[in-house]
Amino acid sequence: MPVLAMRSVLLSLCLALATAAHAANDEFWPEVRLYKQLDETARLYFSADYTEGKESNAASTSASANVTAAVDVSLEPVWRVALRSQDWERNRYLWARFGYTRVSKIELGTRELSEDRGILALNARGQLPAEIWFEGRARADLRWIGDDYSTRYRLRGQLAREFDPFGRAMLLYARAEWFYDTRFDAHSRTLSQLGVEKSLTRHFRVEAYLAWQYDYQPQDDSLHALGLVAKWYY
């Protein structure tokens, strides 16, 4: 595809995201993330975000401020040495995350600690035809909500393709995630996302996406959201 045509397609996709968000958006999900590489097999991950229906049933009047700290662990690339210092999400085939999230709930103007959450996740990726990559993630959320413990299992699949239309990498992706909650012993939620991630400098990227969330437990509900994520890599 000619460069000019590719740029037009990418710009059209970005415009479609913005237009759809303006027309159908229920919420705005801002987030910041920081990645700090420790060595060739480990890095630190920190994030902070603010959401409303994302962490509770969409019909709830509560909002959530979430802070996460985690460590990512990967096998050291033996044959492909160049991958040792590159971004794991785009270049490594297998890595795991172990972390902790504190969820602060804000409901009717009252702020209280609502959840402590342990995170265990395994990520794997492989290449498909046409330079498309598939990434799968299996994740378990170990949740302490008040005095009650429960586990939420999450399976996510993603299709992504990277372009380089402006001299900096741009990633387009579509993903879907399935949630199973032991509090209800049932499939509790489905989350779909369509987004774009753009590298602005060597250390900074910005990601924008549309999200469609469907809750089935404790009651049926749904929402649309526009997400914006700022990412720093060191």
C-alpha atoms as a PDB file:
ATOM      1  CA  MET A   1       0.000   0.000   0.000  1.00  0.00           C
ATOM      2  CA  PRO A   2       1.453   3.438  -0.916  1.00  0.00           C
ATOM      3  CA  VAL A   3       2.536   5.560   2.035  1.00  0.00           C
ATOM      4  CA  LEU A   4       0.027   8.324   1.248  1.00  0.00           C
ATOM      5  CA  ALA A   5      -2.854   5.856   1.069  1.00  0.00           C
ATOM      6  CA  MET A   6      -1.740   4.191   4.293  1.00  0.00           C
ATOM      7  CA  ARG A   7      -1.667   7.546   6.066  1.00  0.00           C
ATOM      8  CA  SER A   8      -5.173   8.297   4.830  1.00  0.00           C
ATOM      9  CA  VAL A   9      -6.449   4.969   6.145  1.00  0.00           C
ATOM     10  CA  LEU A  10      -4.846   5.477   9.548  1.00  0.00           C
ATOM     11  CA  LEU A  11      -6.124   9.025   9.857  1.00  0.00           C
ATOM     12  CA  SER A  12      -9.597   7.844   8.883  1.00  0.00           C
ATOM     13  CA  LEU A  13      -9.504   5.173  11.559  1.00  0.00           C
ATOM     14  CA  CYS A  14      -8.434   7.707  14.189  1.00  0.00           C
ATOM     15  CA  LEU A  15     -11.199  10.067  13.081  1.00  0.00           C
ATOM     16  CA  ALA A  16     -13.717   7.233  13.246  1.00  0.00           C
ATOM     17  CA  LEU A  17     -12.639   6.480  16.815  1.00  0.00           C
ATOM     18  CA  ALA A  18     -13.093  10.094  17.845  1.00  0.00           C
ATOM     19  CA  THR A  19     -16.450  10.442  16.079  1.00  0.00           C
ATOM     20  CA  ALA A  20     -17.844   7.214  17.524  1.00  0.00           C
ATOM     21  CA  ALA A  21     -16.643   8.189  20.985  1.00  0.00           C
ATOM     22  CA  HIS A  22     -18.399  11.557  20.733  1.00  0.00           C
ATOM     23  CA  ALA A  23     -21.601   9.941  19.535  1.00  0.00           C
ATOM     24  CA  ALA A  24     -21.815   6.948  21.868  1.00  0.00           C
ATOM     25  CA  ASN A  25     -19.529   7.618  24.814  1.00  0.00           C
ATOM     26  CA  ASP A  26     -20.884   7.046  28.321  1.00  0.00           C
ATOM     27  CA  GLU A  27     -17.602   7.400  30.177  1.00  0.00           C
ATOM     28  CA  PHE A  28     -14.029   8.637  29.878  1.00  0.00           C
ATOM     29  CA  TRP A  29     -11.247   6.373  31.229  1.00  0.00           C
ATOM     30  CA  PRO A  30      -7.938   8.262  31.678  1.00  0.00           C
ATOM     31  CA  GLU A  31      -4.812   6.319  32.701  1.00  0.00           C
ATOM     32  CA  VAL A  32      -1.061   6.783  33.102  1.00  0.00           C
ATOM     33  CA  ARG A  33       1.508   3.950  33.015  1.00  0.00           C
ATOM     34  CA  LEU A  34       5.208   3.720  33.748  1.00  0.00           C
ATOM     35  CA  TYR A  35       7.514   0.854  32.699  1.00  0.00           C
ATOM     36  CA  LYS A  36      11.011   0.591  34.196  1.00  0.00           C
ATOM     37  CA  GLN A  37      13.280  -2.137  32.862  1.00  0.00           C
ATOM     38  CA  LEU A  38      15.490  -3.703  35.547  1.00  0.00           C
ATOM     39  CA  ASP A  39      17.452  -6.132  33.366  1.00  0.00           C
ATOM     40  CA  GLU A  40      16.944  -8.433  30.389  1.00  0.00           C
ATOM     41  CA  THR A  41      14.335 -10.565  32.169  1.00  0.00           C
ATOM     42  CA  ALA A  42      12.475  -8.219  34.540  1.00  0.00           C
ATOM     43  CA  ARG A  43      10.842  -4.805  34.638  1.00  0.00           C
ATOM     44  CA  LEU A  44       8.603  -2.805  36.968  1.00  0.00           C
ATOM     45  CA  TYR A  45       5.118  -1.631  36.029  1.00  0.00           C
ATOM     46  CA  PHE A  46       3.084   1.144  37.655  1.00  0.00           C
ATOM     47  CA  SER A  47      -0.298   2.527  36.655  1.00  0.00           C
ATOM     48  CA  ALA A  48      -3.022   4.842  37.913  1.00  0.00           C
ATOM     49  CA  ASP A  49      -6.483   5.295  36.436  1.00  0.00           C
ATOM     50  CA  TYR A  50      -9.914   6.710  37.190  1.00  0.00           C
ATOM     51  CA  THR A  51     -13.108   5.003  36.030  1.00  0.00           C
ATOM     52  CA  GLU A  52     -16.785   4.706  36.855  1.00  0.00           C
ATOM     53  CA  GLY A  53     -18.556   1.599  35.595  1.00  0.00           C
ATOM     54  CA  LYS A  54     -15.342  -0.266  34.739  1.00  0.00           C
ATOM     55  CA  GLU A  55     -14.770  -1.576  38.262  1.00  0.00           C
ATOM     56  CA  SER A  56     -18.417  -2.070  39.245  1.00  0.00           C
ATOM     57  CA  ASN A  57     -21.749  -2.727  37.635  1.00  0.00           C
ATOM     58  CA  ALA A  58     -22.447  -0.101  34.985  1.00  0.00           C
ATOM     59  CA  ALA A  59     -25.604   0.999  36.766  1.00  0.00           C
ATOM     60  CA  SER A  60     -23.706   1.764  39.987  1.00  0.00           C
ATOM     61  CA  THR A  61     -23.299   5.347  41.180  1.00  0.00           C
ATOM     62  CA  SER A  62     -19.704   4.679  42.263  1.00  0.00           C
ATOM     63  CA  ALA A  63     -16.406   5.696  40.691  1.00  0.00           C
ATOM     64  CA  SER A  64     -12.998   4.093  41.254  1.00  0.00           C
ATOM     65  CA  ALA A  65      -9.435   5.390  41.513  1.00  0.00           C
ATOM     66  CA  ASN A  66      -7.033   2.500  40.972  1.00  0.00           C
ATOM     67  CA  VAL A  67      -3.287   2.278  41.586  1.00  0.00           C
ATOM     68  CA  THR A  68      -1.261  -0.757  40.480  1.00  0.00           C
ATOM     69  CA  ALA A  69       2.322  -1.884  41.079  1.00  0.00           C
ATOM     70  CA  ALA A  70       3.678  -5.051  39.456  1.00  0.00           C
ATOM     71  CA  VAL A  71       6.760  -6.848  38.238  1.00  0.00           C
ATOM     72  CA  ASP A  72       6.936  -8.377  34.756  1.00  0.00           C
ATOM     73  CA  VAL A  73       9.119 -11.424  34.214  1.00  0.00           C
ATOM     74  CA  SER A  74      10.214 -12.839  30.868  1.00  0.00           C
ATOM     75  CA  LEU A  75      12.506 -15.582  29.674  1.00  0.00           C
ATOM     76  CA  GLU A  76      15.726 -14.114  28.310  1.00  0.00           C
ATOM     77  CA  PRO A  77      15.847 -14.361  24.503  1.00  0.00           C
ATOM     78  CA  VAL A  78      18.692 -16.757  23.758  1.00  0.00           C
ATOM     79  CA  TRP A  79      18.835 -16.782  19.965  1.00  0.00           C
ATOM     80  CA  ARG A  80      17.463 -13.305  19.213  1.00  0.00           C
ATOM     81  CA  VAL A  81      19.758 -11.102  21.289  1.00  0.00           C
ATOM     82  CA  ALA A  82      18.299  -7.877  19.867  1.00  0.00           C
ATOM     83  CA  LEU A  83      15.011  -8.549  21.673  1.00  0.00           C
ATOM     84  CA  ARG A  84      16.562  -8.320  25.127  1.00  0.00           C
ATOM     85  CA  SER A  85      16.156  -4.557  25.345  1.00  0.00           C
ATOM     86  CA  GLN A  86      12.989  -4.162  23.271  1.00  0.00           C
ATOM     87  CA  ASP A  87       9.371  -3.693  24.291  1.00  0.00           C
ATOM     88  CA  TRP A  88       7.915  -6.948  25.568  1.00  0.00           C
ATOM     89  CA  GLU A  89       4.341  -6.433  24.379  1.00  0.00           C
ATOM     90  CA  ARG A  90       5.487  -6.116  20.776  1.00  0.00           C
ATOM     91  CA  ASN A  91       8.542  -8.340  20.603  1.00  0.00           C
ATOM     92  CA  ARG A  92       8.577 -11.113  23.219  1.00  0.00           C
ATOM     93  CA  TYR A  93       6.577 -14.286  22.895  1.00  0.00           C
ATOM     94  CA  LEU A  94       6.010 -15.174  26.561  1.00  0.00           C
ATOM     95  CA  TRP A  95       6.019 -13.140  29.779  1.00  0.00           C
ATOM     96  CA  ALA A  96       4.201 -13.002  33.125  1.00  0.00           C
ATOM     97  CA  ARG A  97       3.008 -10.269  35.500  1.00  0.00           C
ATOM     98  CA  PHE A  98       2.721 -10.435  39.290  1.00  0.00           C
ATOM     99  CA  GLY A  99       1.181  -7.395  40.927  1.00  0.00           C
ATOM    100  CA  TYR A 100      -1.115  -5.664  43.359  1.00  0.00           C
ATOM    101  CA  THR A 101      -3.915  -3.150  42.811  1.00  0.00           C
ATOM    102  CA  ARG A 102      -5.581  -0.917  45.368  1.00  0.00           C
ATOM    103  CA  VAL A 103      -9.068   0.134  44.336  1.00  0.00           C
ATOM    104  CA  SER A 104     -10.458   3.213  46.094  1.00  0.00           C
ATOM    105  CA  LYS A 105     -14.197   3.508  45.679  1.00  0.00           C
ATOM    106  CA  ILE A 106     -16.045   6.822  45.624  1.00  0.00           C
ATOM    107  CA  GLU A 107     -19.782   6.505  46.134  1.00  0.00           C
ATOM    108  CA  LEU A 108     -22.211   9.376  46.703  1.00  0.00           C
ATOM    109  CA  GLY A 109     -19.341  11.638  47.723  1.00  0.00           C
ATOM    110  CA  THR A 110     -17.950   9.202  50.334  1.00  0.00           C
ATOM    111  CA  ARG A 111     -14.489   7.782  49.772  1.00  0.00           C
ATOM    112  CA  GLU A 112     -13.618   4.357  51.117  1.00  0.00           C
ATOM    113  CA  LEU A 113     -11.199   1.519  50.349  1.00  0.00           C
ATOM    114  CA  SER A 114     -13.252  -1.023  48.471  1.00  0.00           C
ATOM    115  CA  GLU A 115     -10.829  -3.644  47.205  1.00  0.00           C
ATOM    116  CA  ASP A 116      -7.344  -5.119  47.497  1.00  0.00           C
ATOM    117  CA  ARG A 117      -6.428  -7.153  44.447  1.00  0.00           C
ATOM    118  CA  GLY A 118      -3.584  -9.507  43.631  1.00  0.00           C
ATOM    119  CA  ILE A 119      -2.761  -9.968  39.945  1.00  0.00           C
ATOM    120  CA  LEU A 120      -1.388 -13.073  38.236  1.00  0.00           C
ATOM    121  CA  ALA A 121      -1.171 -12.945  34.431  1.00  0.00           C
ATOM    122  CA  LEU A 122       0.489 -14.880  31.631  1.00  0.00           C
ATOM    123  CA  ASN A 123       0.894 -13.364  28.146  1.00  0.00           C
ATOM    124  CA  ALA A 124       1.799 -15.165  24.917  1.00  0.00           C
ATOM    125  CA  ARG A 125       1.899 -13.986  21.311  1.00  0.00           C
ATOM    126  CA  GLY A 126       2.457 -15.375  17.838  1.00  0.00           C
ATOM    127  CA  GLN A 127       2.540 -14.111  14.262  1.00  0.00           C
ATOM    128  CA  LEU A 128      -0.261 -14.634  11.760  1.00  0.00           C
ATOM    129  CA  PRO A 129      -0.289 -13.931   8.005  1.00  0.00           C
ATOM    130  CA  ALA A 130      -0.256 -10.343   6.681  1.00  0.00           C
ATOM    131  CA  GLU A 131       2.013  -9.186   9.537  1.00  0.00           C
ATOM    132  CA  ILE A 132      -0.822  -9.521  12.038  1.00  0.00           C
ATOM    133  CA  TRP A 133       0.003 -10.643  15.558  1.00  0.00           C
ATOM    134  CA  PHE A 134      -2.237 -12.538  17.950  1.00  0.00           C
ATOM    135  CA  GLU A 135      -1.759 -12.090  21.677  1.00  0.00           C
ATOM    136  CA  GLY A 136      -3.494 -14.149  24.339  1.00  0.00           C
ATOM    137  CA  ARG A 137      -3.614 -13.359  28.038  1.00  0.00           C
ATOM    138  CA  ALA A 138      -4.810 -15.501  30.944  1.00  0.00           C
ATOM    139  CA  ARG A 139      -5.236 -13.509  34.148  1.00  0.00           C
ATOM    140  CA  ALA A 140      -6.518 -14.160  37.671  1.00  0.00           C
ATOM    141  CA  ASP A 141      -7.619 -11.325  39.979  1.00  0.00           C
ATOM    142  CA  LEU A 142      -7.350 -12.337  43.644  1.00  0.00           C
ATOM    143  CA  ARG A 143      -9.880 -10.013  45.259  1.00  0.00           C
ATOM    144  CA  TRP A 144     -10.463  -8.951  48.848  1.00  0.00           C
ATOM    145  CA  ILE A 145     -13.604  -6.778  48.870  1.00  0.00           C
ATOM    146  CA  GLY A 146     -14.186  -5.822  52.483  1.00  0.00           C
ATOM    147  CA  ASP A 147     -13.948  -9.085  54.412  1.00  0.00           C
ATOM    148  CA  ASP A 148     -14.928 -11.229  51.442  1.00  0.00           C
ATOM    149  CA  TYR A 149     -12.480 -13.039  49.154  1.00  0.00           C
ATOM    150  CA  SER A 150     -13.249 -14.016  45.572  1.00  0.00           C
ATOM    151  CA  THR A 151     -11.413 -14.750  42.345  1.00  0.00           C
ATOM    152  CA  ARG A 152     -12.076 -13.321  38.925  1.00  0.00           C
ATOM    153  CA  TYR A 153     -10.674 -15.183  35.906  1.00  0.00           C
ATOM    154  CA  ARG A 154     -10.060 -13.262  32.705  1.00  0.00           C
ATOM    155  CA  LEU A 155      -9.220 -14.511  29.194  1.00  0.00           C
ATOM    156  CA  ARG A 156      -8.270 -11.975  26.530  1.00  0.00           C
ATOM    157  CA  GLY A 157      -7.464 -12.259  22.847  1.00  0.00           C
ATOM    158  CA  GLN A 158      -6.017  -9.498  20.677  1.00  0.00           C
ATOM    159  CA  LEU A 159      -5.268  -8.978  16.995  1.00  0.00           C
ATOM    160  CA  ALA A 160      -2.791  -6.206  16.200  1.00  0.00           C
ATOM    161  CA  ARG A 161      -0.800  -4.827  13.309  1.00  0.00           C
ATOM    162  CA  GLU A 162       2.010  -2.297  13.413  1.00  0.00           C
ATOM    163  CA  PHE A 163       2.488   0.478  10.847  1.00  0.00           C
ATOM    164  CA  ASP A 164       5.153   3.124  10.433  1.00  0.00           C
ATOM    165  CA  PRO A 165       3.421   5.899   8.461  1.00  0.00           C
ATOM    166  CA  PHE A 166       5.033   8.950  10.082  1.00  0.00           C
ATOM    167  CA  GLY A 167       8.470   7.672  11.059  1.00  0.00           C
ATOM    168  CA  ARG A 168       7.197   6.444  14.438  1.00  0.00           C
ATOM    169  CA  ALA A 169       5.536   3.105  15.103  1.00  0.00           C
ATOM    170  CA  MET A 170       1.741   3.005  15.259  1.00  0.00           C
ATOM    171  CA  LEU A 171      -0.152  -0.051  16.460  1.00  0.00           C
ATOM    172  CA  LEU A 172      -3.790  -0.768  15.580  1.00  0.00           C
ATOM    173  CA  TYR A 173      -5.548  -3.425  17.629  1.00  0.00           C
ATOM    174  CA  ALA A 174      -8.844  -5.109  18.384  1.00  0.00           C
ATOM    175  CA  ARG A 175      -9.306  -7.140  21.550  1.00  0.00           C
ATOM    176  CA  ALA A 176     -12.008  -8.994  23.450  1.00  0.00           C
ATOM    177  CA  GLU A 177     -11.945 -10.166  27.077  1.00  0.00           C
ATOM    178  CA  TRP A 178     -14.131 -12.628  28.977  1.00  0.00           C
ATOM    179  CA  PHE A 179     -14.599 -12.471  32.789  1.00  0.00           C
ATOM    180  CA  TYR A 180     -15.666 -15.272  35.143  1.00  0.00           C
ATOM    181  CA  ASP A 181     -16.467 -14.260  38.753  1.00  0.00           C
ATOM    182  CA  THR A 182     -16.529 -16.849  41.546  1.00  0.00           C
ATOM    183  CA  ARG A 183     -18.910 -14.650  43.568  1.00  0.00           C
ATOM    184  CA  PHE A 184     -21.619 -15.616  41.094  1.00  0.00           C
ATOM    185  CA  ASP A 185     -20.067 -18.814  39.663  1.00  0.00           C
ATOM    186  CA  ALA A 186     -20.853 -17.379  36.260  1.00  0.00           C
ATOM    187  CA  HIS A 187     -19.625 -15.422  33.269  1.00  0.00           C
ATOM    188  CA  SER A 188     -19.954 -11.885  34.648  1.00  0.00           C
ATOM    189  CA  ARG A 189     -18.633  -9.505  32.001  1.00  0.00           C
ATOM    190  CA  THR A 190     -17.409  -9.101  28.420  1.00  0.00           C
ATOM    191  CA  LEU A 191     -15.143  -6.221  27.383  1.00  0.00           C
ATOM    192  CA  SER A 192     -14.290  -5.338  23.768  1.00  0.00           C
ATOM    193  CA  GLN A 193     -11.835  -2.657  22.667  1.00  0.00           C
ATOM    194  CA  LEU A 194     -10.750  -1.071  19.396  1.00  0.00           C
ATOM    195  CA  GLY A 195      -7.748   1.211  19.638  1.00  0.00           C
ATOM    196  CA  VAL A 196      -4.567   2.757  18.336  1.00  0.00           C
ATOM    197  CA  GLU A 197      -1.206   3.272  20.049  1.00  0.00           C
ATOM    198  CA  LYS A 198       1.310   5.828  18.758  1.00  0.00           C
ATOM    199  CA  SER A 199       4.984   6.174  19.676  1.00  0.00           C
ATOM    200  CA  LEU A 200       5.772   9.880  19.991  1.00  0.00           C
ATOM    201  CA  THR A 201       9.327   9.576  21.310  1.00  0.00           C
ATOM    202  CA  ARG A 202      11.640   6.754  22.322  1.00  0.00           C
ATOM    203  CA  HIS A 203      10.254   6.853  25.864  1.00  0.00           C
ATOM    204  CA  PHE A 204       6.680   8.051  25.421  1.00  0.00           C
ATOM    205  CA  ARG A 205       3.570   6.628  23.760  1.00  0.00           C
ATOM    206  CA  VAL A 206      -0.090   7.527  23.772  1.00  0.00           C
ATOM    207  CA  GLU A 207      -2.965   5.104  23.331  1.00  0.00           C
ATOM    208  CA  ALA A 208      -6.626   5.846  22.571  1.00  0.00           C
ATOM    209  CA  TYR A 209      -9.405   3.292  22.395  1.00  0.00           C
ATOM    210  CA  LEU A 210     -13.139   2.721  22.380  1.00  0.00           C
ATOM    211  CA  ALA A 211     -14.497   0.182  24.860  1.00  0.00           C
ATOM    212  CA  TRP A 212     -17.793  -1.699  24.920  1.00  0.00           C
ATOM    213  CA  GLN A 213     -18.492  -3.301  28.296  1.00  0.00           C
ATOM    214  CA  TYR A 214     -21.367  -5.709  28.946  1.00  0.00           C
ATOM    215  CA  ASP A 215     -22.166  -6.813  32.509  1.00  0.00           C
ATOM    216  CA  TYR A 216     -24.224  -9.949  33.153  1.00  0.00           C
ATOM    217  CA  GLN A 217     -23.794 -10.229  36.924  1.00  0.00           C
ATOM    218  CA  PRO A 218     -25.160  -9.131  39.341  1.00  0.00           C
ATOM    219  CA  GLN A 219     -27.486  -7.688  36.663  1.00  0.00           C
ATOM    220  CA  ASP A 220     -27.501  -7.006  32.940  1.00  0.00           C
ATOM    221  CA  ASP A 221     -26.074  -3.649  31.941  1.00  0.00           C
ATOM    222  CA  SER A 222     -23.715  -2.068  29.425  1.00  0.00           C
ATOM    223  CA  LEU A 223     -21.659   1.032  28.748  1.00  0.00           C
ATOM    224  CA  HIS A 224     -19.390   2.606  26.139  1.00  0.00           C
ATOM    225  CA  ALA A 225     -16.187   4.421  27.052  1.00  0.00           C
ATOM    226  CA  LEU A 226     -13.376   6.401  25.476  1.00  0.00           C
ATOM    227  CA  GLY A 227     -10.003   5.492  26.987  1.00  0.00           C
ATOM    228  CA  LEU A 228      -6.816   7.547  26.849  1.00  0.00           C
ATOM    229  CA  VAL A 229      -3.513   6.146  28.167  1.00  0.00           C
ATOM    230  CA  ALA A 230      -0.154   7.920  28.531  1.00  0.00           C
ATOM    231  CA  LYS A 231       2.822   5.505  28.678  1.00  0.00           C
ATOM    232  CA  TRP A 232       6.436   6.121  29.695  1.00  0.00           C
ATOM    233  CA  TYR A 233       9.188   3.543  29.066  1.00  0.00           C
ATOM    234  CA  TYR A 234      12.602   3.649  30.793  1.00  0.00           C
END
